[in-house]
Amino acid sequence: MLAKTIYWTITHINHKPFLFAATEKGLSYLDSHSEPFLPFKKWAQKNLPTFTLIENEKKLNPYIDELRRYFSRESDSFTLPFDLYGTAFQLSVWEALLDVEYGETVSYTHIAHALNKPTAVRAVANAIGANPLLIFIPCHRVIGKDGSLTGFRSGLDLKKTLLSLESK
């Protein structure tokens, strides 16, 4: 039986701090804040309260390398495994986000319709806001129905940067 461990590290990419966290099964959390540890600790306490947090950059290097390749435009997709924790509805929304192609944007309404839940736009928005894997699960590709940029946990500046990076 695998020990219940979350490996984590903070690294800077393009002058922004990113906190990566993974279990033995895959990447579970990625966020970028000026103080990224506190949001991560709250997430871990809520989702994996029995896991031990261990700082270990070496375990996260494959994911760090994938994100660096994304930012340098060497790759437009991610191939390493995830280990996601959420409700069944959240997991379905996050899965739907993986279908949004690099360089494309969709609305919250589009995702709700893709899930055959056209009246659940607000619930979809809440699930997207709870996405624990920024960039890897491309919630930044979701915009307002009118084309406006809407909330993004790590700030609209990063969302603009990501959409600009992906523009063809």
C-alpha atoms as a PDB file:
ATOM      1  CA  MET A   1       0.000   0.000   0.000  1.00  0.00           C
ATOM      2  CA  LEU A   2       1.313   3.415  -0.936  1.00  0.00           C
ATOM      3  CA  ALA A   3       1.893   5.900   1.840  1.00  0.00           C
ATOM      4  CA  LYS A   4      -0.581   8.738   1.744  1.00  0.00           C
ATOM      5  CA  THR A   5       1.786  11.497   0.700  1.00  0.00           C
ATOM      6  CA  ILE A   6       1.429  14.708  -1.262  1.00  0.00           C
ATOM      7  CA  TYR A   7       4.723  15.853  -2.713  1.00  0.00           C
ATOM      8  CA  TRP A   8       4.913  19.569  -3.367  1.00  0.00           C
ATOM      9  CA  THR A   9       7.308  22.259  -4.488  1.00  0.00           C
ATOM     10  CA  ILE A  10       7.287  25.888  -5.511  1.00  0.00           C
ATOM     11  CA  THR A  11       9.161  26.933  -8.605  1.00  0.00           C
ATOM     12  CA  HIS A  12       9.230  30.072 -10.720  1.00  0.00           C
ATOM     13  CA  ILE A  13       8.331  30.004 -14.391  1.00  0.00           C
ATOM     14  CA  ASN A  14       8.309  33.271 -16.332  1.00  0.00           C
ATOM     15  CA  HIS A  15       8.880  35.146 -13.059  1.00  0.00           C
ATOM     16  CA  LYS A  16       5.714  33.712 -11.463  1.00  0.00           C
ATOM     17  CA  PRO A  17       5.629  31.286  -8.552  1.00  0.00           C
ATOM     18  CA  PHE A  18       3.862  28.001  -9.225  1.00  0.00           C
ATOM     19  CA  LEU A  19       3.064  25.471  -6.551  1.00  0.00           C
ATOM     20  CA  PHE A  20       2.940  21.911  -7.864  1.00  0.00           C
ATOM     21  CA  ALA A  21       1.604  19.010  -5.794  1.00  0.00           C
ATOM     22  CA  ALA A  22       1.229  15.350  -6.681  1.00  0.00           C
ATOM     23  CA  THR A  23       0.477  12.019  -5.127  1.00  0.00           C
ATOM     24  CA  GLU A  24       2.128   8.814  -6.323  1.00  0.00           C
ATOM     25  CA  LYS A  25      -0.722   8.550  -8.861  1.00  0.00           C
ATOM     26  CA  GLY A  26      -0.307  11.946 -10.518  1.00  0.00           C
ATOM     27  CA  LEU A  27      -0.526  15.713 -10.390  1.00  0.00           C
ATOM     28  CA  SER A  28      -3.243  16.869  -8.017  1.00  0.00           C
ATOM     29  CA  TYR A  29      -2.743  20.603  -7.640  1.00  0.00           C
ATOM     30  CA  LEU A  30      -1.179  23.528  -9.497  1.00  0.00           C
ATOM     31  CA  ASP A  31      -1.672  27.140  -8.620  1.00  0.00           C
ATOM     32  CA  SER A  32       0.080  30.461  -8.919  1.00  0.00           C
ATOM     33  CA  HIS A  33      -0.256  33.079  -6.222  1.00  0.00           C
ATOM     34  CA  SER A  34       2.221  35.515  -4.718  1.00  0.00           C
ATOM     35  CA  GLU A  35       1.905  33.368  -1.551  1.00  0.00           C
ATOM     36  CA  PRO A  36       0.980  29.963  -3.025  1.00  0.00           C
ATOM     37  CA  PHE A  37       1.409  27.735   0.038  1.00  0.00           C
ATOM     38  CA  LEU A  38      -1.626  28.917   2.022  1.00  0.00           C
ATOM     39  CA  PRO A  39      -4.231  28.171  -0.702  1.00  0.00           C
ATOM     40  CA  PHE A  40      -2.562  24.789  -1.269  1.00  0.00           C
ATOM     41  CA  LYS A  41      -2.597  23.938   2.427  1.00  0.00           C
ATOM     42  CA  LYS A  42      -6.321  24.788   2.636  1.00  0.00           C
ATOM     43  CA  TRP A  43      -7.003  22.648  -0.445  1.00  0.00           C
ATOM     44  CA  ALA A  44      -5.028  19.718   1.001  1.00  0.00           C
ATOM     45  CA  GLN A  45      -6.763  19.954   4.385  1.00  0.00           C
ATOM     46  CA  LYS A  46     -10.161  19.905   2.682  1.00  0.00           C
ATOM     47  CA  ASN A  47      -9.500  17.211   0.069  1.00  0.00           C
ATOM     48  CA  LEU A  48      -6.769  14.993   1.514  1.00  0.00           C
ATOM     49  CA  PRO A  49      -6.722  15.567   5.277  1.00  0.00           C
ATOM     50  CA  THR A  50      -4.980  12.269   6.071  1.00  0.00           C
ATOM     51  CA  PHE A  51      -2.107  12.820   3.619  1.00  0.00           C
ATOM     52  CA  THR A  52       1.328  14.006   4.720  1.00  0.00           C
ATOM     53  CA  LEU A  53       2.812  17.009   2.880  1.00  0.00           C
ATOM     54  CA  ILE A  54       6.437  16.512   1.836  1.00  0.00           C
ATOM     55  CA  GLU A  55       8.410  19.084  -0.102  1.00  0.00           C
ATOM     56  CA  ASN A  56      10.202  17.264  -2.922  1.00  0.00           C
ATOM     57  CA  GLU A  57      11.077  19.090  -6.129  1.00  0.00           C
ATOM     58  CA  LYS A  58      12.572  15.980  -7.731  1.00  0.00           C
ATOM     59  CA  LYS A  59       9.174  14.200  -7.684  1.00  0.00           C
ATOM     60  CA  LEU A  60       7.554  17.194  -9.409  1.00  0.00           C
ATOM     61  CA  ASN A  61      10.253  17.820 -12.045  1.00  0.00           C
ATOM     62  CA  PRO A  62       8.421  15.963 -14.848  1.00  0.00           C
ATOM     63  CA  TYR A  63       5.376  18.237 -14.360  1.00  0.00           C
ATOM     64  CA  ILE A  64       7.557  21.329 -14.053  1.00  0.00           C
ATOM     65  CA  ASP A  65       9.257  20.382 -17.325  1.00  0.00           C
ATOM     66  CA  GLU A  66       5.874  19.957 -19.052  1.00  0.00           C
ATOM     67  CA  LEU A  67       4.745  23.400 -17.900  1.00  0.00           C
ATOM     68  CA  ARG A  68       8.032  24.997 -18.972  1.00  0.00           C
ATOM     69  CA  ARG A  69       7.617  23.424 -22.439  1.00  0.00           C
ATOM     70  CA  TYR A  70       4.063  24.801 -22.602  1.00  0.00           C
ATOM     71  CA  PHE A  71       5.230  28.333 -21.725  1.00  0.00           C
ATOM     72  CA  SER A  72       8.071  28.164 -24.263  1.00  0.00           C
ATOM     73  CA  ARG A  73       5.579  26.945 -26.926  1.00  0.00           C
ATOM     74  CA  GLU A  74       7.468  23.669 -27.347  1.00  0.00           C
ATOM     75  CA  SER A  75       4.283  21.765 -26.462  1.00  0.00           C
ATOM     76  CA  ASP A  76       0.580  22.511 -26.535  1.00  0.00           C
ATOM     77  CA  SER A  77      -0.590  19.507 -24.518  1.00  0.00           C
ATOM     78  CA  PHE A  78       0.102  17.664 -21.276  1.00  0.00           C
ATOM     79  CA  THR A  79       0.643  13.919 -21.115  1.00  0.00           C
ATOM     80  CA  LEU A  80       1.498  13.072 -17.513  1.00  0.00           C
ATOM     81  CA  PRO A  81      -1.175  11.568 -15.214  1.00  0.00           C
ATOM     82  CA  PHE A  82      -3.481  13.468 -12.883  1.00  0.00           C
ATOM     83  CA  ASP A  83      -4.887  12.396  -9.527  1.00  0.00           C
ATOM     84  CA  LEU A  84      -7.965  14.568  -9.081  1.00  0.00           C
ATOM     85  CA  TYR A  85     -10.158  14.981  -6.032  1.00  0.00           C
ATOM     86  CA  GLY A  86     -13.627  16.506  -6.287  1.00  0.00           C
ATOM     87  CA  THR A  87     -17.295  15.704  -6.518  1.00  0.00           C
ATOM     88  CA  ALA A  88     -18.628  13.646  -9.413  1.00  0.00           C
ATOM     89  CA  PHE A  89     -20.035  16.845 -10.939  1.00  0.00           C
ATOM     90  CA  GLN A  90     -16.726  18.715 -10.567  1.00  0.00           C
ATOM     91  CA  LEU A  91     -14.846  15.815 -12.151  1.00  0.00           C
ATOM     92  CA  SER A  92     -17.273  15.832 -15.103  1.00  0.00           C
ATOM     93  CA  VAL A  93     -16.751  19.577 -15.610  1.00  0.00           C
ATOM     94  CA  TRP A  94     -12.966  19.236 -15.411  1.00  0.00           C
ATOM     95  CA  GLU A  95     -13.122  16.366 -17.917  1.00  0.00           C
ATOM     96  CA  ALA A  96     -15.166  18.584 -20.266  1.00  0.00           C
ATOM     97  CA  LEU A  97     -12.506  21.300 -19.978  1.00  0.00           C
ATOM     98  CA  LEU A  98      -9.937  18.848 -21.335  1.00  0.00           C
ATOM     99  CA  ASP A  99     -11.935  18.797 -24.588  1.00  0.00           C
ATOM    100  CA  VAL A 100     -11.386  22.530 -25.150  1.00  0.00           C
ATOM    101  CA  GLU A 101      -8.555  22.659 -27.677  1.00  0.00           C
ATOM    102  CA  TYR A 102      -5.394  24.717 -27.332  1.00  0.00           C
ATOM    103  CA  GLY A 103      -6.058  28.182 -28.766  1.00  0.00           C
ATOM    104  CA  GLU A 104      -9.850  27.919 -28.437  1.00  0.00           C
ATOM    105  CA  THR A 105     -12.189  29.536 -25.949  1.00  0.00           C
ATOM    106  CA  VAL A 106     -15.682  28.539 -24.849  1.00  0.00           C
ATOM    107  CA  SER A 107     -18.314  29.941 -22.521  1.00  0.00           C
ATOM    108  CA  TYR A 108     -19.639  28.517 -19.272  1.00  0.00           C
ATOM    109  CA  THR A 109     -22.914  27.953 -21.132  1.00  0.00           C
ATOM    110  CA  HIS A 110     -21.063  25.870 -23.736  1.00  0.00           C
ATOM    111  CA  ILE A 111     -19.651  23.607 -21.004  1.00  0.00           C
ATOM    112  CA  ALA A 112     -23.088  23.269 -19.367  1.00  0.00           C
ATOM    113  CA  HIS A 113     -24.586  22.220 -22.713  1.00  0.00           C
ATOM    114  CA  ALA A 114     -21.701  19.805 -23.359  1.00  0.00           C
ATOM    115  CA  LEU A 115     -22.623  18.110 -20.079  1.00  0.00           C
ATOM    116  CA  ASN A 116     -26.333  17.999 -21.036  1.00  0.00           C
ATOM    117  CA  LYS A 117     -27.061  20.311 -18.093  1.00  0.00           C
ATOM    118  CA  PRO A 118     -28.034  23.574 -19.840  1.00  0.00           C
ATOM    119  CA  THR A 119     -29.555  25.091 -16.696  1.00  0.00           C
ATOM    120  CA  ALA A 120     -26.472  24.375 -14.569  1.00  0.00           C
ATOM    121  CA  VAL A 121     -24.340  27.286 -15.801  1.00  0.00           C
ATOM    122  CA  ARG A 122     -23.756  28.651 -12.292  1.00  0.00           C
ATOM    123  CA  ALA A 123     -22.825  25.183 -10.975  1.00  0.00           C
ATOM    124  CA  VAL A 124     -20.451  24.754 -13.925  1.00  0.00           C
ATOM    125  CA  ALA A 125     -18.845  28.114 -13.121  1.00  0.00           C
ATOM    126  CA  ASN A 126     -18.401  27.063  -9.482  1.00  0.00           C
ATOM    127  CA  ALA A 127     -16.819  23.753 -10.513  1.00  0.00           C
ATOM    128  CA  ILE A 128     -14.483  25.557 -12.896  1.00  0.00           C
ATOM    129  CA  GLY A 129     -13.526  27.936 -10.083  1.00  0.00           C
ATOM    130  CA  ALA A 130     -12.625  24.904  -7.957  1.00  0.00           C
ATOM    131  CA  ASN A 131     -10.341  23.413 -10.633  1.00  0.00           C
ATOM    132  CA  PRO A 132      -7.201  22.355  -8.735  1.00  0.00           C
ATOM    133  CA  LEU A 133      -5.005  22.064 -11.833  1.00  0.00           C
ATOM    134  CA  LEU A 134      -4.666  25.468 -13.430  1.00  0.00           C
ATOM    135  CA  ILE A 135      -3.360  25.336 -16.992  1.00  0.00           C
ATOM    136  CA  PHE A 136      -3.165  21.512 -17.094  1.00  0.00           C
ATOM    137  CA  ILE A 137      -6.976  21.492 -16.963  1.00  0.00           C
ATOM    138  CA  PRO A 138      -7.542  24.567 -19.134  1.00  0.00           C
ATOM    139  CA  CYS A 139     -10.102  26.598 -17.179  1.00  0.00           C
ATOM    140  CA  HIS A 140      -8.394  29.722 -18.570  1.00  0.00           C
ATOM    141  CA  ARG A 141     -10.057  28.904 -21.910  1.00  0.00           C
ATOM    142  CA  VAL A 142     -13.510  29.598 -20.468  1.00  0.00           C
ATOM    143  CA  ILE A 143     -14.746  33.136 -21.002  1.00  0.00           C
ATOM    144  CA  GLY A 144     -18.028  34.984 -20.626  1.00  0.00           C
ATOM    145  CA  LYS A 145     -20.797  34.371 -23.166  1.00  0.00           C
ATOM    146  CA  ASP A 146     -20.232  37.942 -24.392  1.00  0.00           C
ATOM    147  CA  GLY A 147     -16.520  37.239 -24.956  1.00  0.00           C
ATOM    148  CA  SER A 148     -15.350  39.006 -21.804  1.00  0.00           C
ATOM    149  CA  LEU A 149     -12.639  37.629 -19.574  1.00  0.00           C
ATOM    150  CA  THR A 150     -14.144  36.391 -16.360  1.00  0.00           C
ATOM    151  CA  GLY A 151     -12.745  35.305 -13.011  1.00  0.00           C
ATOM    152  CA  PHE A 152      -9.581  33.286 -12.745  1.00  0.00           C
ATOM    153  CA  ARG A 153      -8.229  32.075  -9.413  1.00  0.00           C
ATOM    154  CA  SER A 154      -4.699  33.243 -10.187  1.00  0.00           C
ATOM    155  CA  GLY A 155      -5.806  36.585 -11.591  1.00  0.00           C
ATOM    156  CA  LEU A 156      -6.903  37.942 -14.944  1.00  0.00           C
ATOM    157  CA  ASP A 157      -3.342  38.960 -15.835  1.00  0.00           C
ATOM    158  CA  LEU A 158      -2.266  35.308 -15.923  1.00  0.00           C
ATOM    159  CA  LYS A 159      -5.436  34.374 -17.823  1.00  0.00           C
ATOM    160  CA  LYS A 160      -4.637  37.046 -20.450  1.00  0.00           C
ATOM    161  CA  THR A 161      -1.054  35.761 -20.656  1.00  0.00           C
ATOM    162  CA  LEU A 162      -2.212  32.172 -21.207  1.00  0.00           C
ATOM    163  CA  LEU A 163      -4.774  33.111 -23.850  1.00  0.00           C
ATOM    164  CA  SER A 164      -2.225  35.282 -25.622  1.00  0.00           C
ATOM    165  CA  LEU A 165       0.338  32.467 -25.521  1.00  0.00           C
ATOM    166  CA  GLU A 166      -2.197  30.114 -27.101  1.00  0.00           C
ATOM    167  CA  SER A 167      -3.420  32.506 -29.764  1.00  0.00           C
ATOM    168  CA  LYS A 168      -2.568  31.211 -33.200  1.00  0.00           C
END
